[in-house]
Structure formats: C-alpha cells, structure tokens
C-alpha cells in the first residue's frame, strides 16, 4: 500500500467509513449521505495536503476508493 493509499484509508476511517482497499467497493454503498461525503473530502484535503476542486465533489466522479486515491495522486503532482 502506498503512502497516499494509507492517508486516504485513514481519512475514510476518520469519518467512520471502513472499506477494504483490496475490494473495489462503490462509495454509494458505504457513504450514508452527502454530509458524510463532504466530510470525507475535507478529511482527505487535510490529511493529504491538497485542495480538491469543486468539480471533484461528486460521488459519480469519485465512485470508488481507488478513484479517490487516483484523484489524490493527480492533485499531488
């Protein structure tokens, strides 16, 4: 597991979402509501020292744990 994946996983756990990073689980199946999704995004911003543009704040664009890891990697570059 990469450092980014670990930070993203910690962010998930911090807001009460527990996923197995080896399974490509849909976020819609584990995120209770939009408040939880926004809380997750804010937690990721803080843990990964990035700023997520508004266009990423969509569960359709970020539908899995791996999608989020890819976004963080892209925004960290």
PDB file of N, CA and C in Angstrom:
ATOM      1  N   UNK A   1       0.858  -1.181   0.000  1.00  0.00           N
ATOM      2  CA  UNK A   1       0.000   0.000   0.000  1.00  0.00           C
ATOM      3  C   UNK A   1       0.898   1.237   0.000  1.00  0.00           C
ATOM      4  N   UNK A   2       0.578   2.167  -0.877  1.00  0.00           N
ATOM      5  CA  UNK A   2       1.370   3.393  -0.977  1.00  0.00           C
ATOM      6  C   UNK A   2       1.020   4.352   0.164  1.00  0.00           C
ATOM      7  N   UNK A   3       1.828   5.361   0.330  1.00  0.00           N
ATOM      8  CA  UNK A   3       1.579   6.378   1.352  1.00  0.00           C
ATOM      9  C   UNK A   3       0.247   7.097   1.100  1.00  0.00           C
ATOM     10  N   UNK A   4      -0.035   7.392  -0.153  1.00  0.00           N
ATOM     11  CA  UNK A   4      -1.301   8.056  -0.492  1.00  0.00           C
ATOM     12  C   UNK A   4      -2.472   7.160  -0.133  1.00  0.00           C
ATOM     13  N   UNK A   5      -2.391   5.882  -0.475  1.00  0.00           N
ATOM     14  CA  UNK A   5      -3.469   4.948  -0.150  1.00  0.00           C
ATOM     15  C   UNK A   5      -3.689   4.859   1.357  1.00  0.00           C
ATOM     16  N   UNK A   6      -2.597   4.880   2.124  1.00  0.00           N
ATOM     17  CA  UNK A   6      -2.709   4.840   3.584  1.00  0.00           C
ATOM     18  C   UNK A   6      -3.397   6.098   4.120  1.00  0.00           C
ATOM     19  N   UNK A   7      -3.029   7.252   3.578  1.00  0.00           N
ATOM     20  CA  UNK A   7      -3.646   8.509   4.018  1.00  0.00           C
ATOM     21  C   UNK A   7      -5.134   8.542   3.671  1.00  0.00           C
ATOM     22  N   UNK A   8      -5.471   8.066   2.489  1.00  0.00           N
ATOM     23  CA  UNK A   8      -6.872   8.031   2.080  1.00  0.00           C
ATOM     24  C   UNK A   8      -7.647   7.068   2.983  1.00  0.00           C
ATOM     25  N   UNK A   9      -7.078   5.908   3.253  1.00  0.00           N
ATOM     26  CA  UNK A   9      -7.741   4.935   4.124  1.00  0.00           C
ATOM     27  C   UNK A   9      -7.956   5.507   5.522  1.00  0.00           C
ATOM     28  N   UNK A  10      -6.954   6.209   6.064  1.00  0.00           N
ATOM     29  CA  UNK A  10      -7.103   6.854   7.382  1.00  0.00           C
ATOM     30  C   UNK A  10      -8.211   7.906   7.344  1.00  0.00           C
ATOM     31  N   UNK A  11      -8.316   8.623   6.233  1.00  0.00           N
ATOM     32  CA  UNK A  11      -9.371   9.629   6.083  1.00  0.00           C
ATOM     33  C   UNK A  11     -10.747   8.962   6.117  1.00  0.00           C
ATOM     34  N   UNK A  12     -10.877   7.854   5.412  1.00  0.00           N
ATOM     35  CA  UNK A  12     -12.134   7.101   5.434  1.00  0.00           C
ATOM     36  C   UNK A  12     -12.490   6.710   6.861  1.00  0.00           C
ATOM     37  N   UNK A  13     -11.523   6.111   7.552  1.00  0.00           N
ATOM     38  CA  UNK A  13     -11.765   5.634   8.907  1.00  0.00           C
ATOM     39  C   UNK A  13     -12.091   6.780   9.851  1.00  0.00           C
ATOM     40  N   UNK A  14     -11.482   7.925   9.632  1.00  0.00           N
ATOM     41  CA  UNK A  14     -11.707   9.094  10.476  1.00  0.00           C
ATOM     42  C   UNK A  14     -13.157   9.568  10.446  1.00  0.00           C
ATOM     43  N   UNK A  15     -13.845   9.374   9.318  1.00  0.00           N
ATOM     44  CA  UNK A  15     -15.244   9.785   9.214  1.00  0.00           C
ATOM     45  C   UNK A  15     -16.197   8.597   9.383  1.00  0.00           C
ATOM     46  N   UNK A  16     -15.657   7.466   9.827  1.00  0.00           N
ATOM     47  CA  UNK A  16     -16.499   6.319  10.141  1.00  0.00           C
ATOM     48  C   UNK A  16     -16.846   5.422   8.967  1.00  0.00           C
ATOM     49  N   UNK A  17     -16.035   5.462   7.913  1.00  0.00           N
ATOM     50  CA  UNK A  17     -16.251   4.593   6.761  1.00  0.00           C
ATOM     51  C   UNK A  17     -15.113   3.575   6.734  1.00  0.00           C
ATOM     52  N   UNK A  18     -15.480   2.305   6.816  1.00  0.00           N
ATOM     53  CA  UNK A  18     -14.472   1.259   6.844  1.00  0.00           C
ATOM     54  C   UNK A  18     -14.590   0.419   5.575  1.00  0.00           C
ATOM     55  N   UNK A  19     -13.546   0.477   4.753  1.00  0.00           N
ATOM     56  CA  UNK A  19     -13.526  -0.247   3.483  1.00  0.00           C
ATOM     57  C   UNK A  19     -12.287  -1.120   3.417  1.00  0.00           C
ATOM     58  N   UNK A  20     -12.376  -2.157   2.633  1.00  0.00           N
ATOM     59  CA  UNK A  20     -11.227  -2.996   2.338  1.00  0.00           C
ATOM     60  C   UNK A  20     -10.610  -2.442   1.058  1.00  0.00           C
ATOM     61  N   UNK A  21      -9.396  -1.885   1.148  1.00  0.00           N
ATOM     62  CA  UNK A  21      -8.797  -1.262  -0.041  1.00  0.00           C
ATOM     63  C   UNK A  21      -8.562  -2.243  -1.193  1.00  0.00           C
ATOM     64  N   UNK A  22      -8.573  -3.532  -0.909  1.00  0.00           N
ATOM     65  CA  UNK A  22      -8.369  -4.525  -1.966  1.00  0.00           C
ATOM     66  C   UNK A  22      -9.649  -4.836  -2.733  1.00  0.00           C
ATOM     67  N   UNK A  23     -10.786  -4.401  -2.196  1.00  0.00           N
ATOM     68  CA  UNK A  23     -12.055  -4.590  -2.886  1.00  0.00           C
ATOM     69  C   UNK A  23     -12.487  -3.248  -3.463  1.00  0.00           C
ATOM     70  N   UNK A  24     -12.964  -3.251  -4.671  1.00  0.00           N
ATOM     71  CA  UNK A  24     -13.365  -2.006  -5.323  1.00  0.00           C
ATOM     72  C   UNK A  24     -14.832  -1.707  -5.006  1.00  0.00           C
ATOM     73  N   UNK A  25     -15.096  -1.421  -3.736  1.00  0.00           N
ATOM     74  CA  UNK A  25     -16.448  -1.167  -3.247  1.00  0.00           C
ATOM     75  C   UNK A  25     -16.920   0.205  -3.726  1.00  0.00           C
ATOM     76  N   UNK A  26     -18.166   0.286  -4.131  1.00  0.00           N
ATOM     77  CA  UNK A  26     -18.744   1.567  -4.527  1.00  0.00           C
ATOM     78  C   UNK A  26     -18.974   2.435  -3.296  1.00  0.00           C
ATOM     79  N   UNK A  27     -18.556   3.698  -3.368  1.00  0.00           N
ATOM     80  CA  UNK A  27     -18.750   4.615  -2.257  1.00  0.00           C
ATOM     81  C   UNK A  27     -20.226   4.791  -1.926  1.00  0.00           C
ATOM     82  N   UNK A  28     -21.066   4.736  -2.946  1.00  0.00           N
ATOM     83  CA  UNK A  28     -22.508   4.889  -2.724  1.00  0.00           C
ATOM     84  C   UNK A  28     -23.040   3.817  -1.776  1.00  0.00           C
ATOM     85  N   UNK A  29     -22.347   2.675  -1.695  1.00  0.00           N
ATOM     86  CA  UNK A  29     -22.770   1.600  -0.801  1.00  0.00           C
ATOM     87  C   UNK A  29     -22.315   1.809   0.641  1.00  0.00           C
ATOM     88  N   UNK A  30     -21.329   2.688   0.858  1.00  0.00           N
ATOM     89  CA  UNK A  30     -20.829   2.863   2.228  1.00  0.00           C
ATOM     90  C   UNK A  30     -20.900   4.295   2.742  1.00  0.00           C
ATOM     91  N   UNK A  31     -21.175   5.251   1.880  1.00  0.00           N
ATOM     92  CA  UNK A  31     -21.327   6.640   2.320  1.00  0.00           C
ATOM     93  C   UNK A  31     -22.812   6.869   2.587  1.00  0.00           C
ATOM     94  N   UNK A  32     -23.130   7.222   3.835  1.00  0.00           N
ATOM     95  CA  UNK A  32     -24.526   7.338   4.254  1.00  0.00           C
ATOM     96  C   UNK A  32     -25.273   8.479   3.593  1.00  0.00           C
ATOM     97  N   UNK A  33     -24.614   9.624   3.434  1.00  0.00           N
ATOM     98  CA  UNK A  33     -25.302  10.805   2.911  1.00  0.00           C
ATOM     99  C   UNK A  33     -24.280  11.801   2.380  1.00  0.00           C
ATOM    100  N   UNK A  34     -24.775  12.910   1.828  1.00  0.00           N
ATOM    101  CA  UNK A  34     -23.876  13.897   1.228  1.00  0.00           C
ATOM    102  C   UNK A  34     -22.988  14.578   2.272  1.00  0.00           C
ATOM    103  N   UNK A  35     -23.483  14.717   3.487  1.00  0.00           N
ATOM    104  CA  UNK A  35     -22.670  15.318   4.559  1.00  0.00           C
ATOM    105  C   UNK A  35     -21.445  14.439   4.830  1.00  0.00           C
ATOM    106  N   UNK A  36     -21.646  13.144   4.867  1.00  0.00           N
ATOM    107  CA  UNK A  36     -20.529  12.220   5.088  1.00  0.00           C
ATOM    108  C   UNK A  36     -19.536  12.300   3.936  1.00  0.00           C
ATOM    109  N   UNK A  37     -20.038  12.398   2.712  1.00  0.00           N
ATOM    110  CA  UNK A  37     -19.159  12.504   1.537  1.00  0.00           C
ATOM    111  C   UNK A  37     -18.317  13.776   1.610  1.00  0.00           C
ATOM    112  N   UNK A  38     -18.954  14.899   1.936  1.00  0.00           N
ATOM    113  CA  UNK A  38     -18.221  16.168   2.050  1.00  0.00           C
ATOM    114  C   UNK A  38     -17.211  16.094   3.196  1.00  0.00           C
ATOM    115  N   UNK A  39     -17.607  15.499   4.314  1.00  0.00           N
ATOM    116  CA  UNK A  39     -16.687  15.333   5.447  1.00  0.00           C
ATOM    117  C   UNK A  39     -15.470  14.514   5.031  1.00  0.00           C
ATOM    118  N   UNK A  40     -15.704  13.469   4.248  1.00  0.00           N
ATOM    119  CA  UNK A  40     -14.607  12.645   3.743  1.00  0.00           C
ATOM    120  C   UNK A  40     -13.668  13.466   2.870  1.00  0.00           C
ATOM    121  N   UNK A  41     -14.228  14.266   1.970  1.00  0.00           N
ATOM    122  CA  UNK A  41     -13.398  15.084   1.090  1.00  0.00           C
ATOM    123  C   UNK A  41     -12.560  16.089   1.874  1.00  0.00           C
ATOM    124  N   UNK A  42     -13.145  16.712   2.889  1.00  0.00           N
ATOM    125  CA  UNK A  42     -12.414  17.671   3.725  1.00  0.00           C
ATOM    126  C   UNK A  42     -11.299  16.953   4.481  1.00  0.00           C
ATOM    127  N   UNK A  43     -11.592  15.776   5.000  1.00  0.00           N
ATOM    128  CA  UNK A  43     -10.587  14.987   5.717  1.00  0.00           C
ATOM    129  C   UNK A  43      -9.432  14.621   4.791  1.00  0.00           C
ATOM    130  N   UNK A  44      -9.746  14.242   3.566  1.00  0.00           N
ATOM    131  CA  UNK A  44      -8.705  13.906   2.589  1.00  0.00           C
ATOM    132  C   UNK A  44      -7.859  15.136   2.268  1.00  0.00           C
ATOM    133  N   UNK A  45      -8.510  16.284   2.090  1.00  0.00           N
ATOM    134  CA  UNK A  45      -7.754  17.522   1.844  1.00  0.00           C
ATOM    135  C   UNK A  45      -6.750  17.780   2.965  1.00  0.00           C
ATOM    136  N   UNK A  46      -7.191  17.617   4.190  1.00  0.00           N
ATOM    137  CA  UNK A  46      -6.323  17.892   5.334  1.00  0.00           C
ATOM    138  C   UNK A  46      -5.219  16.852   5.467  1.00  0.00           C
ATOM    139  N   UNK A  47      -5.557  15.575   5.344  1.00  0.00           N
ATOM    140  CA  UNK A  47      -4.566  14.508   5.518  1.00  0.00           C
ATOM    141  C   UNK A  47      -3.547  14.451   4.387  1.00  0.00           C
ATOM    142  N   UNK A  48      -3.960  14.846   3.191  1.00  0.00           N
ATOM    143  CA  UNK A  48      -3.085  14.733   2.022  1.00  0.00           C
ATOM    144  C   UNK A  48      -2.507  16.072   1.575  1.00  0.00           C
ATOM    145  N   UNK A  49      -2.843  17.138   2.299  1.00  0.00           N
ATOM    146  CA  UNK A  49      -2.326  18.481   1.994  1.00  0.00           C
ATOM    147  C   UNK A  49      -2.590  18.870   0.542  1.00  0.00           C
ATOM    148  N   UNK A  50      -3.849  18.689   0.117  1.00  0.00           N
ATOM    149  CA  UNK A  50      -4.250  19.077  -1.233  1.00  0.00           C
ATOM    150  C   UNK A  50      -5.517  19.921  -1.135  1.00  0.00           C
ATOM    151  N   UNK A  51      -5.845  20.554  -2.239  1.00  0.00           N
ATOM    152  CA  UNK A  51      -7.109  21.274  -2.366  1.00  0.00           C
ATOM    153  C   UNK A  51      -7.889  20.608  -3.491  1.00  0.00           C
ATOM    154  N   UNK A  52      -9.076  20.120  -3.170  1.00  0.00           N
ATOM    155  CA  UNK A  52      -9.878  19.407  -4.161  1.00  0.00           C
ATOM    156  C   UNK A  52     -10.799  20.404  -4.856  1.00  0.00           C
ATOM    157  N   UNK A  53     -10.655  20.559  -6.170  1.00  0.00           N
ATOM    158  CA  UNK A  53     -11.527  21.474  -6.912  1.00  0.00           C
ATOM    159  C   UNK A  53     -12.986  21.018  -6.838  1.00  0.00           C
ATOM    160  N   UNK A  54     -13.893  21.958  -6.936  1.00  0.00           N
ATOM    161  CA  UNK A  54     -15.328  21.675  -6.817  1.00  0.00           C
ATOM    162  C   UNK A  54     -15.806  20.588  -7.769  1.00  0.00           C
ATOM    163  N   UNK A  55     -15.241  20.523  -8.962  1.00  0.00           N
ATOM    164  CA  UNK A  55     -15.733  19.546  -9.926  1.00  0.00           C
ATOM    165  C   UNK A  55     -15.501  18.093  -9.485  1.00  0.00           C
ATOM    166  N   UNK A  56     -14.633  17.885  -8.492  1.00  0.00           N
ATOM    167  CA  UNK A  56     -14.409  16.537  -7.969  1.00  0.00           C
ATOM    168  C   UNK A  56     -15.441  16.146  -6.912  1.00  0.00           C
ATOM    169  N   UNK A  57     -16.148  17.116  -6.360  1.00  0.00           N
ATOM    170  CA  UNK A  57     -17.091  16.842  -5.281  1.00  0.00           C
ATOM    171  C   UNK A  57     -18.360  16.198  -5.818  1.00  0.00           C
ATOM    172  N   UNK A  58     -18.203  15.038  -6.373  1.00  0.00           N
ATOM    173  CA  UNK A  58     -19.312  14.300  -6.958  1.00  0.00           C
ATOM    174  C   UNK A  58     -19.083  12.814  -6.744  1.00  0.00           C
ATOM    175  N   UNK A  59     -20.056  12.153  -6.153  1.00  0.00           N
ATOM    176  CA  UNK A  59     -19.903  10.715  -5.925  1.00  0.00           C
ATOM    177  C   UNK A  59     -19.915   9.950  -7.248  1.00  0.00           C
ATOM    178  N   UNK A  60     -20.422  10.582  -8.312  1.00  0.00           N
ATOM    179  CA  UNK A  60     -20.372   9.951  -9.624  1.00  0.00           C
ATOM    180  C   UNK A  60     -18.950   9.953 -10.181  1.00  0.00           C
ATOM    181  N   UNK A  61     -18.223  11.027  -9.937  1.00  0.00           N
ATOM    182  CA  UNK A  61     -16.841  11.125 -10.426  1.00  0.00           C
ATOM    183  C   UNK A  61     -15.899  10.290  -9.562  1.00  0.00           C
ATOM    184  N   UNK A  62     -16.162  10.279  -8.292  1.00  0.00           N
ATOM    185  CA  UNK A  62     -15.352   9.520  -7.342  1.00  0.00           C
ATOM    186  C   UNK A  62     -16.216   8.395  -6.783  1.00  0.00           C
ATOM    187  N   UNK A  63     -16.346   7.338  -7.542  1.00  0.00           N
ATOM    188  CA  UNK A  63     -17.288   6.300  -7.137  1.00  0.00           C
ATOM    189  C   UNK A  63     -16.669   5.171  -6.318  1.00  0.00           C
ATOM    190  N   UNK A  64     -15.316   5.081  -6.284  1.00  0.00           N
ATOM    191  CA  UNK A  64     -14.667   4.015  -5.517  1.00  0.00           C
ATOM    192  C   UNK A  64     -13.470   4.568  -4.725  1.00  0.00           C
ATOM    193  N   UNK A  65     -13.002   3.759  -3.801  1.00  0.00           N
ATOM    194  CA  UNK A  65     -11.797   4.091  -3.024  1.00  0.00           C
ATOM    195  C   UNK A  65     -10.633   4.372  -3.978  1.00  0.00           C
ATOM    196  N   UNK A  66     -10.478   3.524  -5.009  1.00  0.00           N
ATOM    197  CA  UNK A  66      -9.364   3.694  -5.946  1.00  0.00           C
ATOM    198  C   UNK A  66      -9.497   4.990  -6.742  1.00  0.00           C
ATOM    199  N   UNK A  67     -10.732   5.390  -7.084  1.00  0.00           N
ATOM    200  CA  UNK A  67     -10.941   6.674  -7.766  1.00  0.00           C
ATOM    201  C   UNK A  67     -10.405   7.816  -6.909  1.00  0.00           C
ATOM    202  N   UNK A  68     -10.654   7.741  -5.617  1.00  0.00           N
ATOM    203  CA  UNK A  68     -10.190   8.797  -4.707  1.00  0.00           C
ATOM    204  C   UNK A  68      -8.670   8.783  -4.615  1.00  0.00           C
ATOM    205  N   UNK A  69      -8.071   7.602  -4.515  1.00  0.00           N
ATOM    206  CA  UNK A  69      -6.602   7.513  -4.481  1.00  0.00           C
ATOM    207  C   UNK A  69      -6.001   8.106  -5.755  1.00  0.00           C
ATOM    208  N   UNK A  70      -6.599   7.800  -6.898  1.00  0.00           N
ATOM    209  CA  UNK A  70      -6.120   8.337  -8.175  1.00  0.00           C
ATOM    210  C   UNK A  70      -6.235   9.863  -8.211  1.00  0.00           C
ATOM    211  N   UNK A  71      -7.349  10.390  -7.672  1.00  0.00           N
ATOM    212  CA  UNK A  71      -7.530  11.838  -7.641  1.00  0.00           C
ATOM    213  C   UNK A  71      -6.448  12.500  -6.780  1.00  0.00           C
ATOM    214  N   UNK A  72      -6.191  11.919  -5.607  1.00  0.00           N
ATOM    215  CA  UNK A  72      -5.179  12.494  -4.713  1.00  0.00           C
ATOM    216  C   UNK A  72      -3.813  12.454  -5.387  1.00  0.00           C
ATOM    217  N   UNK A  73      -3.496  11.359  -6.045  1.00  0.00           N
ATOM    218  CA  UNK A  73      -2.225  11.246  -6.758  1.00  0.00           C
ATOM    219  C   UNK A  73      -2.124  12.315  -7.845  1.00  0.00           C
ATOM    220  N   UNK A  74      -3.190  12.509  -8.593  1.00  0.00           N
ATOM    221  CA  UNK A  74      -3.224  13.522  -9.661  1.00  0.00           C
ATOM    222  C   UNK A  74      -3.079  14.935  -9.100  1.00  0.00           C
ATOM    223  N   UNK A  75      -3.770  15.231  -8.003  1.00  0.00           N
ATOM    224  CA  UNK A  75      -3.725  16.576  -7.426  1.00  0.00           C
ATOM    225  C   UNK A  75      -2.445  16.848  -6.641  1.00  0.00           C
ATOM    226  N   UNK A  76      -1.729  15.796  -6.293  1.00  0.00           N
ATOM    227  CA  UNK A  76      -0.475  15.944  -5.553  1.00  0.00           C
ATOM    228  C   UNK A  76       0.704  16.206  -6.470  1.00  0.00           C
ATOM    229  N   UNK A  77       0.508  15.930  -7.750  1.00  0.00           N
ATOM    230  CA  UNK A  77       1.612  16.052  -8.718  1.00  0.00           C
ATOM    231  C   UNK A  77       1.965  17.494  -8.987  1.00  0.00           C
TER     232      UNK A  77
END
